[in-house]
């Protein structure tokens, strides 16, 4: 992470986004950036690790930190997911907790209490208000205002852009004066290989049912950028042979569909022609093995 010298009038800081699964954290990150950076699906636990999305405007650098949904962990992979949330508690300049209508209990009270007790500005964003009436929205607002009296409460629809620009402007007001933490043309802290693996995993989450998407990991073996094309070789990891068969599908049709859709999304993201080759292999019970979880890049 490189620091860039800048005058003291510059404002920069970390806006760390927390919330239960499917609260819309990644959707809000994308809406703030105006880019489809974080993958978004209707399935819980789509986000597995912390991702920074960096919004650079004149005199301002907003560093949005997307985190996994808060859960009570049951196995090694989920333990590492919750550890990334604890990491995000440590460097927040502003804490943004996303709730959804009807939410009354956090999935992990201990983590929620740590978020509320941070010595930084706290915003409760009630997301997805487009799904409820104005009367119910007011009820939600009053509930959170009473429950967390030290927080600002905002009504939001990240999907439809309601109050997104207004919230961004408020975050800029709350930012501390600080030189930029990253180069001012940088979009994220993640590598190109990470973006590729996430886009492939997004297609798997969208098209496969039950346990299959959660048993899958994706890593990139090769990423070669040429003048006219990017050549990518990626591996989809499953936990069992039966899962591998489902990922491939009869005659390879399912894998071909996943590859085609991933390639189109990658071409849109990188704005370049993509050649994508996918392979599938089995690594038994990798999610429950701490060493294997670390091998795939989770801490």
C-alpha atoms as a PDB file:
ATOM      1  CA  UNK A   1       0.000   0.000   0.000  1.00  0.00           C
ATOM      2  CA  UNK A   2       1.717   3.176  -1.155  1.00  0.00           C
ATOM      3  CA  UNK A   3       1.124   6.563   0.376  1.00  0.00           C
ATOM      4  CA  UNK A   4       1.065   9.622  -1.843  1.00  0.00           C
ATOM      5  CA  UNK A   5       2.183  13.038  -0.626  1.00  0.00           C
ATOM      6  CA  UNK A   6      -0.587  15.590  -0.801  1.00  0.00           C
ATOM      7  CA  UNK A   7      -1.552  18.856   0.851  1.00  0.00           C
ATOM      8  CA  UNK A   8      -3.304  18.714   4.214  1.00  0.00           C
ATOM      9  CA  UNK A   9      -6.553  19.905   2.612  1.00  0.00           C
ATOM     10  CA  UNK A  10      -7.018  16.435   1.126  1.00  0.00           C
ATOM     11  CA  UNK A  11      -9.575  14.150   2.818  1.00  0.00           C
ATOM     12  CA  UNK A  12      -9.203  10.369   2.851  1.00  0.00           C
ATOM     13  CA  UNK A  13     -10.360   7.468   4.967  1.00  0.00           C
ATOM     14  CA  UNK A  14     -11.893   4.032   5.291  1.00  0.00           C
ATOM     15  CA  UNK A  15     -15.673   3.590   5.217  1.00  0.00           C
ATOM     16  CA  UNK A  16     -16.113   0.010   6.394  1.00  0.00           C
ATOM     17  CA  UNK A  17     -19.431  -1.622   5.530  1.00  0.00           C
ATOM     18  CA  UNK A  18     -20.877  -4.243   7.878  1.00  0.00           C
ATOM     19  CA  UNK A  19     -24.152  -6.167   8.012  1.00  0.00           C
ATOM     20  CA  UNK A  20     -25.865  -9.546   7.973  1.00  0.00           C
ATOM     21  CA  UNK A  21     -25.751 -11.648   4.774  1.00  0.00           C
ATOM     22  CA  UNK A  22     -27.826 -10.256   1.886  1.00  0.00           C
ATOM     23  CA  UNK A  23     -28.069  -6.769   3.402  1.00  0.00           C
ATOM     24  CA  UNK A  24     -26.823  -5.318   0.100  1.00  0.00           C
ATOM     25  CA  UNK A  25     -23.265  -4.370   1.096  1.00  0.00           C
ATOM     26  CA  UNK A  26     -21.711  -5.264  -2.251  1.00  0.00           C
ATOM     27  CA  UNK A  27     -24.561  -3.577  -4.148  1.00  0.00           C
ATOM     28  CA  UNK A  28     -23.969  -0.386  -2.173  1.00  0.00           C
ATOM     29  CA  UNK A  29     -20.226  -0.562  -2.838  1.00  0.00           C
ATOM     30  CA  UNK A  30     -20.863  -0.860  -6.584  1.00  0.00           C
ATOM     31  CA  UNK A  31     -23.410   1.967  -6.493  1.00  0.00           C
ATOM     32  CA  UNK A  32     -20.959   4.273  -4.714  1.00  0.00           C
ATOM     33  CA  UNK A  33     -18.183   3.487  -7.192  1.00  0.00           C
ATOM     34  CA  UNK A  34     -20.355   3.475 -10.307  1.00  0.00           C
ATOM     35  CA  UNK A  35     -18.580   0.204 -11.213  1.00  0.00           C
ATOM     36  CA  UNK A  36     -19.504  -3.491 -10.992  1.00  0.00           C
ATOM     37  CA  UNK A  37     -16.505  -4.290  -8.840  1.00  0.00           C
ATOM     38  CA  UNK A  38     -17.916  -6.614  -6.170  1.00  0.00           C
ATOM     39  CA  UNK A  39     -19.883  -9.680  -7.235  1.00  0.00           C
ATOM     40  CA  UNK A  40     -23.575  -9.642  -6.315  1.00  0.00           C
ATOM     41  CA  UNK A  41     -25.970 -12.594  -6.117  1.00  0.00           C
ATOM     42  CA  UNK A  42     -29.171 -13.364  -4.177  1.00  0.00           C
ATOM     43  CA  UNK A  43     -27.338 -16.055  -2.193  1.00  0.00           C
ATOM     44  CA  UNK A  44     -26.069 -15.461   1.329  1.00  0.00           C
ATOM     45  CA  UNK A  45     -22.291 -15.507   1.903  1.00  0.00           C
ATOM     46  CA  UNK A  46     -21.515 -14.366  -1.641  1.00  0.00           C
ATOM     47  CA  UNK A  47     -18.727 -12.200  -0.216  1.00  0.00           C
ATOM     48  CA  UNK A  48     -16.001 -14.314   1.370  1.00  0.00           C
ATOM     49  CA  UNK A  49     -13.228 -11.810   1.966  1.00  0.00           C
ATOM     50  CA  UNK A  50     -12.668  -8.130   2.447  1.00  0.00           C
ATOM     51  CA  UNK A  51     -12.486  -6.017  -0.692  1.00  0.00           C
ATOM     52  CA  UNK A  52     -11.619  -2.338  -0.934  1.00  0.00           C
ATOM     53  CA  UNK A  53     -13.340  -0.167  -3.509  1.00  0.00           C
ATOM     54  CA  UNK A  54     -11.580   3.177  -3.923  1.00  0.00           C
ATOM     55  CA  UNK A  55     -13.533   6.250  -5.026  1.00  0.00           C
ATOM     56  CA  UNK A  56     -11.281   9.116  -6.101  1.00  0.00           C
ATOM     57  CA  UNK A  57     -12.716  12.596  -6.550  1.00  0.00           C
ATOM     58  CA  UNK A  58     -10.982  15.996  -6.471  1.00  0.00           C
ATOM     59  CA  UNK A  59      -9.513  16.424  -2.994  1.00  0.00           C
ATOM     60  CA  UNK A  60     -11.149  13.213  -1.713  1.00  0.00           C
ATOM     61  CA  UNK A  61     -10.402   9.505  -1.496  1.00  0.00           C
ATOM     62  CA  UNK A  62     -13.201   7.356  -0.079  1.00  0.00           C
ATOM     63  CA  UNK A  63     -12.027   3.810   0.599  1.00  0.00           C
ATOM     64  CA  UNK A  64     -15.071   1.551   0.896  1.00  0.00           C
ATOM     65  CA  UNK A  65     -14.436  -1.775   2.597  1.00  0.00           C
ATOM     66  CA  UNK A  66     -16.891  -4.523   1.666  1.00  0.00           C
ATOM     67  CA  UNK A  67     -16.956  -7.317   4.241  1.00  0.00           C
ATOM     68  CA  UNK A  68     -18.597 -10.757   4.457  1.00  0.00           C
ATOM     69  CA  UNK A  69     -22.053 -11.008   6.003  1.00  0.00           C
ATOM     70  CA  UNK A  70     -22.003 -11.408   9.776  1.00  0.00           C
ATOM     71  CA  UNK A  71     -22.709 -14.991  10.861  1.00  0.00           C
ATOM     72  CA  UNK A  72     -21.912 -17.422  13.653  1.00  0.00           C
ATOM     73  CA  UNK A  73     -19.107 -19.459  12.011  1.00  0.00           C
ATOM     74  CA  UNK A  74     -19.450 -23.236  11.714  1.00  0.00           C
ATOM     75  CA  UNK A  75     -16.262 -24.256   9.888  1.00  0.00           C
ATOM     76  CA  UNK A  76     -12.773 -23.010   8.986  1.00  0.00           C
ATOM     77  CA  UNK A  77     -13.703 -20.916   5.935  1.00  0.00           C
ATOM     78  CA  UNK A  78     -16.430 -19.092   7.874  1.00  0.00           C
ATOM     79  CA  UNK A  79     -13.972 -18.475  10.729  1.00  0.00           C
ATOM     80  CA  UNK A  80     -11.649 -16.667   8.319  1.00  0.00           C
ATOM     81  CA  UNK A  81     -14.594 -14.685   6.938  1.00  0.00           C
ATOM     82  CA  UNK A  82     -15.405 -13.394  10.426  1.00  0.00           C
ATOM     83  CA  UNK A  83     -11.735 -12.606  11.029  1.00  0.00           C
ATOM     84  CA  UNK A  84     -11.820 -10.190   8.087  1.00  0.00           C
ATOM     85  CA  UNK A  85     -14.691  -8.357   9.797  1.00  0.00           C
ATOM     86  CA  UNK A  86     -12.616  -8.045  12.967  1.00  0.00           C
ATOM     87  CA  UNK A  87      -9.797  -6.635  10.851  1.00  0.00           C
ATOM     88  CA  UNK A  88     -12.186  -4.059   9.407  1.00  0.00           C
ATOM     89  CA  UNK A  89     -13.117  -2.973  12.942  1.00  0.00           C
ATOM     90  CA  UNK A  90      -9.552  -1.851  13.505  1.00  0.00           C
ATOM     91  CA  UNK A  91      -9.042   0.627  10.660  1.00  0.00           C
ATOM     92  CA  UNK A  92     -12.506   2.153  10.178  1.00  0.00           C
ATOM     93  CA  UNK A  93     -12.692   5.933   9.968  1.00  0.00           C
ATOM     94  CA  UNK A  94     -16.457   5.618   9.480  1.00  0.00           C
ATOM     95  CA  UNK A  95     -18.555   2.522  10.270  1.00  0.00           C
ATOM     96  CA  UNK A  96     -21.561   1.865   8.044  1.00  0.00           C
ATOM     97  CA  UNK A  97     -23.903  -0.898   9.208  1.00  0.00           C
ATOM     98  CA  UNK A  98     -26.471  -2.002   6.626  1.00  0.00           C
ATOM     99  CA  UNK A  99     -29.754  -3.395   7.915  1.00  0.00           C
ATOM    100  CA  UNK A 100     -32.815  -4.571   6.001  1.00  0.00           C
ATOM    101  CA  UNK A 101     -36.493  -4.000   6.795  1.00  0.00           C
ATOM    102  CA  UNK A 102     -37.681  -6.209   9.629  1.00  0.00           C
ATOM    103  CA  UNK A 103     -34.197  -6.901  10.989  1.00  0.00           C
ATOM    104  CA  UNK A 104     -34.263  -6.884  14.773  1.00  0.00           C
ATOM    105  CA  UNK A 105     -31.450  -9.232  15.784  1.00  0.00           C
ATOM    106  CA  UNK A 106     -27.875  -9.255  14.466  1.00  0.00           C
ATOM    107  CA  UNK A 107     -26.570 -12.699  13.564  1.00  0.00           C
ATOM    108  CA  UNK A 108     -23.616 -12.181  15.892  1.00  0.00           C
ATOM    109  CA  UNK A 109     -24.392  -9.889  18.838  1.00  0.00           C
ATOM    110  CA  UNK A 110     -20.771  -9.681  19.939  1.00  0.00           C
ATOM    111  CA  UNK A 111     -19.581  -8.372  16.570  1.00  0.00           C
ATOM    112  CA  UNK A 112     -22.530  -5.999  16.318  1.00  0.00           C
ATOM    113  CA  UNK A 113     -21.756  -4.550  19.755  1.00  0.00           C
ATOM    114  CA  UNK A 114     -18.138  -4.035  18.716  1.00  0.00           C
ATOM    115  CA  UNK A 115     -19.303  -2.100  15.650  1.00  0.00           C
ATOM    116  CA  UNK A 116     -21.639   0.095  17.716  1.00  0.00           C
ATOM    117  CA  UNK A 117     -18.917   0.805  20.282  1.00  0.00           C
ATOM    118  CA  UNK A 118     -16.304   1.983  17.766  1.00  0.00           C
ATOM    119  CA  UNK A 119     -15.008   5.486  18.488  1.00  0.00           C
ATOM    120  CA  UNK A 120     -15.763   6.668  14.955  1.00  0.00           C
ATOM    121  CA  UNK A 121     -18.881   8.072  13.253  1.00  0.00           C
ATOM    122  CA  UNK A 122     -21.521   5.343  12.913  1.00  0.00           C
ATOM    123  CA  UNK A 123     -24.200   5.254  10.223  1.00  0.00           C
ATOM    124  CA  UNK A 124     -27.059   2.752  10.170  1.00  0.00           C
ATOM    125  CA  UNK A 125     -28.302   2.372   6.614  1.00  0.00           C
ATOM    126  CA  UNK A 126     -31.717   0.740   6.258  1.00  0.00           C
ATOM    127  CA  UNK A 127     -31.385  -0.738   2.789  1.00  0.00           C
ATOM    128  CA  UNK A 128     -34.023  -2.115   0.393  1.00  0.00           C
ATOM    129  CA  UNK A 129     -36.686   0.381   1.468  1.00  0.00           C
ATOM    130  CA  UNK A 130     -38.051   0.126  -2.070  1.00  0.00           C
ATOM    131  CA  UNK A 131     -39.588  -3.163  -0.876  1.00  0.00           C
ATOM    132  CA  UNK A 132     -41.760  -1.578   1.855  1.00  0.00           C
ATOM    133  CA  UNK A 133     -44.295   1.229   2.275  1.00  0.00           C
ATOM    134  CA  UNK A 134     -43.445   4.728   3.517  1.00  0.00           C
ATOM    135  CA  UNK A 135     -45.240   3.966   6.761  1.00  0.00           C
ATOM    136  CA  UNK A 136     -43.109   0.872   7.385  1.00  0.00           C
ATOM    137  CA  UNK A 137     -39.971   2.778   6.404  1.00  0.00           C
ATOM    138  CA  UNK A 138     -40.736   5.337   9.112  1.00  0.00           C
ATOM    139  CA  UNK A 139     -41.213   2.494  11.618  1.00  0.00           C
ATOM    140  CA  UNK A 140     -37.816   1.067  10.660  1.00  0.00           C
ATOM    141  CA  UNK A 141     -36.195   4.483  10.983  1.00  0.00           C
ATOM    142  CA  UNK A 142     -37.648   5.019  14.447  1.00  0.00           C
ATOM    143  CA  UNK A 143     -36.624   1.543  15.600  1.00  0.00           C
ATOM    144  CA  UNK A 144     -32.975   2.001  14.695  1.00  0.00           C
ATOM    145  CA  UNK A 145     -32.854   5.586  15.944  1.00  0.00           C
ATOM    146  CA  UNK A 146     -34.054   4.354  19.327  1.00  0.00           C
ATOM    147  CA  UNK A 147     -31.942   1.180  19.389  1.00  0.00           C
ATOM    148  CA  UNK A 148     -28.652   2.868  18.433  1.00  0.00           C
ATOM    149  CA  UNK A 149     -29.068   6.477  19.576  1.00  0.00           C
ATOM    150  CA  UNK A 150     -25.466   7.418  18.771  1.00  0.00           C
ATOM    151  CA  UNK A 151     -25.839   6.593  15.073  1.00  0.00           C
ATOM    152  CA  UNK A 152     -27.083   8.533  12.087  1.00  0.00           C
ATOM    153  CA  UNK A 153     -29.886   6.578  10.423  1.00  0.00           C
ATOM    154  CA  UNK A 154     -30.414   6.661   6.655  1.00  0.00           C
ATOM    155  CA  UNK A 155     -33.108   5.141   4.459  1.00  0.00           C
ATOM    156  CA  UNK A 156     -31.531   3.632   1.343  1.00  0.00           C
ATOM    157  CA  UNK A 157     -32.087   1.622  -1.786  1.00  0.00           C
ATOM    158  CA  UNK A 158     -28.645   0.728  -3.099  1.00  0.00           C
ATOM    159  CA  UNK A 159     -30.197  -1.167  -6.007  1.00  0.00           C
ATOM    160  CA  UNK A 160     -32.237   1.813  -7.222  1.00  0.00           C
ATOM    161  CA  UNK A 161     -29.853   4.580  -6.110  1.00  0.00           C
ATOM    162  CA  UNK A 162     -32.163   6.137  -3.514  1.00  0.00           C
ATOM    163  CA  UNK A 163     -30.121   8.361  -1.177  1.00  0.00           C
ATOM    164  CA  UNK A 164     -26.828   6.898  -2.459  1.00  0.00           C
ATOM    165  CA  UNK A 165     -25.370  10.209  -3.684  1.00  0.00           C
ATOM    166  CA  UNK A 166     -26.647  11.998  -0.594  1.00  0.00           C
ATOM    167  CA  UNK A 167     -25.023   9.406   1.655  1.00  0.00           C
ATOM    168  CA  UNK A 168     -21.760   9.653  -0.272  1.00  0.00           C
ATOM    169  CA  UNK A 169     -21.736  13.428   0.236  1.00  0.00           C
ATOM    170  CA  UNK A 170     -22.321  12.949   3.966  1.00  0.00           C
ATOM    171  CA  UNK A 171     -19.449  10.456   4.149  1.00  0.00           C
ATOM    172  CA  UNK A 172     -17.153  13.023   2.525  1.00  0.00           C
ATOM    173  CA  UNK A 173     -18.161  15.521   5.214  1.00  0.00           C
ATOM    174  CA  UNK A 174     -17.261  13.004   7.923  1.00  0.00           C
ATOM    175  CA  UNK A 175     -13.901  12.019   6.447  1.00  0.00           C
ATOM    176  CA  UNK A 176     -10.774  13.152   8.279  1.00  0.00           C
ATOM    177  CA  UNK A 177      -8.150  15.294   6.594  1.00  0.00           C
ATOM    178  CA  UNK A 178      -5.461  12.923   5.377  1.00  0.00           C
ATOM    179  CA  UNK A 179      -3.323  12.390   2.274  1.00  0.00           C
ATOM    180  CA  UNK A 180      -4.577   9.638  -0.065  1.00  0.00           C
ATOM    181  CA  UNK A 181      -3.716   6.114   1.012  1.00  0.00           C
ATOM    182  CA  UNK A 182      -3.635   4.786  -2.560  1.00  0.00           C
ATOM    183  CA  UNK A 183      -2.729   6.126  -5.984  1.00  0.00           C
ATOM    184  CA  UNK A 184      -5.565   8.342  -7.165  1.00  0.00           C
ATOM    185  CA  UNK A 185      -6.235   6.205 -10.262  1.00  0.00           C
ATOM    186  CA  UNK A 186      -6.570   2.956  -8.281  1.00  0.00           C
ATOM    187  CA  UNK A 187      -9.988   1.255  -8.086  1.00  0.00           C
ATOM    188  CA  UNK A 188      -9.308  -1.591  -5.648  1.00  0.00           C
ATOM    189  CA  UNK A 189      -6.639  -3.267  -3.536  1.00  0.00           C
ATOM    190  CA  UNK A 190      -7.336  -6.618  -5.183  1.00  0.00           C
ATOM    191  CA  UNK A 191      -5.315  -8.152  -8.018  1.00  0.00           C
ATOM    192  CA  UNK A 192      -6.581  -8.844 -11.525  1.00  0.00           C
ATOM    193  CA  UNK A 193      -6.436 -12.570 -10.742  1.00  0.00           C
ATOM    194  CA  UNK A 194      -8.718 -12.051  -7.745  1.00  0.00           C
ATOM    195  CA  UNK A 195     -11.246 -10.151  -9.877  1.00  0.00           C
ATOM    196  CA  UNK A 196     -11.230 -12.990 -12.415  1.00  0.00           C
ATOM    197  CA  UNK A 197     -11.803 -15.676  -9.767  1.00  0.00           C
ATOM    198  CA  UNK A 198     -14.653 -13.698  -8.214  1.00  0.00           C
ATOM    199  CA  UNK A 199     -16.439 -13.174 -11.533  1.00  0.00           C
ATOM    200  CA  UNK A 200     -16.252 -16.906 -12.272  1.00  0.00           C
ATOM    201  CA  UNK A 201     -17.516 -17.700  -8.774  1.00  0.00           C
ATOM    202  CA  UNK A 202     -20.389 -15.254  -9.274  1.00  0.00           C
ATOM    203  CA  UNK A 203     -21.617 -17.255 -12.284  1.00  0.00           C
ATOM    204  CA  UNK A 204     -21.436 -20.466 -10.250  1.00  0.00           C
ATOM    205  CA  UNK A 205     -23.451 -18.869  -7.436  1.00  0.00           C
ATOM    206  CA  UNK A 206     -26.071 -17.736  -9.927  1.00  0.00           C
ATOM    207  CA  UNK A 207     -26.486 -20.981 -11.860  1.00  0.00           C
ATOM    208  CA  UNK A 208     -25.956 -23.857  -9.435  1.00  0.00           C
ATOM    209  CA  UNK A 209     -28.253 -24.836  -6.580  1.00  0.00           C
ATOM    210  CA  UNK A 210     -28.095 -26.065  -2.998  1.00  0.00           C
ATOM    211  CA  UNK A 211     -24.622 -26.669  -1.566  1.00  0.00           C
ATOM    212  CA  UNK A 212     -22.669 -26.602  -4.834  1.00  0.00           C
ATOM    213  CA  UNK A 213     -21.764 -22.867  -4.905  1.00  0.00           C
ATOM    214  CA  UNK A 214     -20.646 -22.895  -1.276  1.00  0.00           C
ATOM    215  CA  UNK A 215     -18.374 -25.898  -1.814  1.00  0.00           C
ATOM    216  CA  UNK A 216     -16.591 -24.173  -4.699  1.00  0.00           C
ATOM    217  CA  UNK A 217     -13.390 -22.161  -4.769  1.00  0.00           C
ATOM    218  CA  UNK A 218     -11.810 -20.627  -7.884  1.00  0.00           C
ATOM    219  CA  UNK A 219      -8.178 -19.759  -8.476  1.00  0.00           C
ATOM    220  CA  UNK A 220      -6.333 -18.452 -11.513  1.00  0.00           C
ATOM    221  CA  UNK A 221      -3.339 -20.444 -12.755  1.00  0.00           C
ATOM    222  CA  UNK A 222      -2.480 -18.141 -15.627  1.00  0.00           C
ATOM    223  CA  UNK A 223      -3.215 -14.513 -16.505  1.00  0.00           C
ATOM    224  CA  UNK A 224      -1.366 -13.295 -19.605  1.00  0.00           C
ATOM    225  CA  UNK A 225      -2.193  -9.896 -21.009  1.00  0.00           C
ATOM    226  CA  UNK A 226      -1.279  -9.322 -24.621  1.00  0.00           C
ATOM    227  CA  UNK A 227      -1.902  -6.276 -26.787  1.00  0.00           C
ATOM    228  CA  UNK A 228      -5.244  -7.478 -28.151  1.00  0.00           C
ATOM    229  CA  UNK A 229      -6.310 -10.207 -25.715  1.00  0.00           C
ATOM    230  CA  UNK A 230      -6.018 -11.515 -22.159  1.00  0.00           C
ATOM    231  CA  UNK A 231      -5.460 -15.272 -21.844  1.00  0.00           C
ATOM    232  CA  UNK A 232      -6.737 -16.810 -18.606  1.00  0.00           C
ATOM    233  CA  UNK A 233      -6.580 -20.343 -17.240  1.00  0.00           C
ATOM    234  CA  UNK A 234      -8.627 -20.894 -14.078  1.00  0.00           C
ATOM    235  CA  UNK A 235      -9.433 -23.865 -11.857  1.00  0.00           C
ATOM    236  CA  UNK A 236     -12.768 -24.506 -10.146  1.00  0.00           C
ATOM    237  CA  UNK A 237     -12.270 -26.501  -6.954  1.00  0.00           C
ATOM    238  CA  UNK A 238     -15.030 -28.686  -5.484  1.00  0.00           C
ATOM    239  CA  UNK A 239     -15.113 -30.896  -2.386  1.00  0.00           C
ATOM    240  CA  UNK A 240     -16.468 -34.100  -3.950  1.00  0.00           C
ATOM    241  CA  UNK A 241     -16.531 -35.956  -7.273  1.00  0.00           C
ATOM    242  CA  UNK A 242     -20.326 -35.662  -7.430  1.00  0.00           C
ATOM    243  CA  UNK A 243     -20.008 -31.884  -7.217  1.00  0.00           C
ATOM    244  CA  UNK A 244     -17.394 -31.897  -9.956  1.00  0.00           C
ATOM    245  CA  UNK A 245     -19.785 -33.824 -12.208  1.00  0.00           C
ATOM    246  CA  UNK A 246     -22.559 -31.294 -11.573  1.00  0.00           C
ATOM    247  CA  UNK A 247     -20.247 -28.341 -12.292  1.00  0.00           C
ATOM    248  CA  UNK A 248     -19.219 -29.905 -15.615  1.00  0.00           C
ATOM    249  CA  UNK A 249     -22.714 -31.079 -16.549  1.00  0.00           C
ATOM    250  CA  UNK A 250     -23.775 -33.524 -19.219  1.00  0.00           C
ATOM    251  CA  UNK A 251     -21.389 -33.290 -22.148  1.00  0.00           C
ATOM    252  CA  UNK A 252     -19.699 -30.320 -20.464  1.00  0.00           C
ATOM    253  CA  UNK A 253     -22.676 -28.043 -21.147  1.00  0.00           C
ATOM    254  CA  UNK A 254     -22.925 -26.542 -17.656  1.00  0.00           C
ATOM    255  CA  UNK A 255     -19.226 -25.684 -17.512  1.00  0.00           C
ATOM    256  CA  UNK A 256     -19.369 -24.203 -21.013  1.00  0.00           C
ATOM    257  CA  UNK A 257     -22.280 -21.957 -19.995  1.00  0.00           C
ATOM    258  CA  UNK A 258     -20.412 -20.803 -16.889  1.00  0.00           C
ATOM    259  CA  UNK A 259     -17.312 -20.097 -18.963  1.00  0.00           C
ATOM    260  CA  UNK A 260     -19.190 -18.167 -21.633  1.00  0.00           C
ATOM    261  CA  UNK A 261     -20.978 -15.932 -19.150  1.00  0.00           C
ATOM    262  CA  UNK A 262     -17.792 -15.357 -17.137  1.00  0.00           C
ATOM    263  CA  UNK A 263     -15.898 -14.449 -20.316  1.00  0.00           C
ATOM    264  CA  UNK A 264     -18.491 -11.862 -21.310  1.00  0.00           C
ATOM    265  CA  UNK A 265     -18.399 -10.261 -17.854  1.00  0.00           C
ATOM    266  CA  UNK A 266     -14.600 -10.271 -17.876  1.00  0.00           C
ATOM    267  CA  UNK A 267     -14.533  -8.587 -21.281  1.00  0.00           C
ATOM    268  CA  UNK A 268     -16.881  -5.931 -19.938  1.00  0.00           C
ATOM    269  CA  UNK A 269     -14.722  -5.373 -16.851  1.00  0.00           C
ATOM    270  CA  UNK A 270     -11.302  -5.365 -18.535  1.00  0.00           C
ATOM    271  CA  UNK A 271     -12.624  -3.812 -21.779  1.00  0.00           C
ATOM    272  CA  UNK A 272     -10.568  -6.274 -23.761  1.00  0.00           C
ATOM    273  CA  UNK A 273     -11.051  -9.601 -25.561  1.00  0.00           C
ATOM    274  CA  UNK A 274     -10.734 -12.578 -23.197  1.00  0.00           C
ATOM    275  CA  UNK A 275      -9.718 -16.175 -23.863  1.00  0.00           C
ATOM    276  CA  UNK A 276     -10.859 -18.206 -20.840  1.00  0.00           C
ATOM    277  CA  UNK A 277     -10.113 -21.856 -20.176  1.00  0.00           C
ATOM    278  CA  UNK A 278     -11.758 -23.530 -17.161  1.00  0.00           C
ATOM    279  CA  UNK A 279     -10.775 -26.752 -15.399  1.00  0.00           C
ATOM    280  CA  UNK A 280     -12.451 -28.540 -12.474  1.00  0.00           C
ATOM    281  CA  UNK A 281     -10.704 -30.505  -9.732  1.00  0.00           C
ATOM    282  CA  UNK A 282     -11.589 -32.031  -6.359  1.00  0.00           C
ATOM    283  CA  UNK A 283      -9.956 -31.037  -3.061  1.00  0.00           C
ATOM    284  CA  UNK A 284     -11.843 -33.021  -0.390  1.00  0.00           C
ATOM    285  CA  UNK A 285     -13.503 -30.972   2.388  1.00  0.00           C
ATOM    286  CA  UNK A 286     -11.278 -27.961   1.746  1.00  0.00           C
ATOM    287  CA  UNK A 287     -13.668 -25.555   3.545  1.00  0.00           C
ATOM    288  CA  UNK A 288     -13.237 -27.407   6.839  1.00  0.00           C
ATOM    289  CA  UNK A 289      -9.464 -27.742   6.690  1.00  0.00           C
ATOM    290  CA  UNK A 290      -7.690 -24.665   8.053  1.00  0.00           C
ATOM    291  CA  UNK A 291      -4.497 -25.354   6.075  1.00  0.00           C
ATOM    292  CA  UNK A 292      -6.405 -25.718   2.808  1.00  0.00           C
ATOM    293  CA  UNK A 293      -8.421 -22.564   3.497  1.00  0.00           C
ATOM    294  CA  UNK A 294      -5.148 -20.655   3.935  1.00  0.00           C
ATOM    295  CA  UNK A 295      -3.748 -22.271   0.775  1.00  0.00           C
ATOM    296  CA  UNK A 296      -6.570 -20.637  -1.205  1.00  0.00           C
ATOM    297  CA  UNK A 297      -5.704 -17.218   0.174  1.00  0.00           C
ATOM    298  CA  UNK A 298      -8.051 -16.879   3.138  1.00  0.00           C
ATOM    299  CA  UNK A 299      -6.532 -15.724   6.441  1.00  0.00           C
END
